């Protein structure tokens, strides 16, 4: 039903207490890093948001984050999902705390929403009140900045992004032109927290409008 939460699901999690030197070299990790935390879930955008949250709650950073091609519905195995994220930290306890924060975000906070009655069109309009180290670096903005994380199917994402940018004093700091690896599109906007929330609301309203009237392109 329109407006329903479409929650993400954590599929697999593992902690490597002392990572092998070969992997450390591949991930370009310095001598301070000893442990890794691996996580897959069935939503890449929720996963990216969750990893950023982990960097605010524990002494960890993101050393790897990647979307899986074609999305969770086309995953090649039961636990691959749509996203693999890897946290790195100086100790197992640090990484465990980071994983716990990420899992909580995935299971209880960030989620997609349905734009129509049968949930066949979904969107992500999540306001992050303050960014962690990961999304800040991706966007080239200071840590602790507000961010509107906006994602939808291809046409909906571009139409709704225009509406979001016009609805508030926000700046487009990351653009995901469709199709992304998961066949969606969107971007990240920054501004005040109030403006980011307004942008999220405008984005959601525009996606719902397209889902409700997909062939109505009249400007009147």
Foldseek 3Di string as FASTA:
>chain_A
DAFDWDAKDWQDKDKDFADDPVVCVVLVHDPQWGMKMKTAIQDQVLLLVLLFQLLVFFQKHWSDKDFAAQGQVPDPDRRRHTMMTMIIGNGRVRNVSSVVSSNCSRGPNFTWGALDDVSPWIWGWDKDQFTHPRVCVVQVHDGTFIKTFIKTAQVLQVQLQVQLVVQAVKDFRFWFHPPDSNRMTHGMITDHSVSSVRSSVSSSVSSSVCVVPVPDPDPD
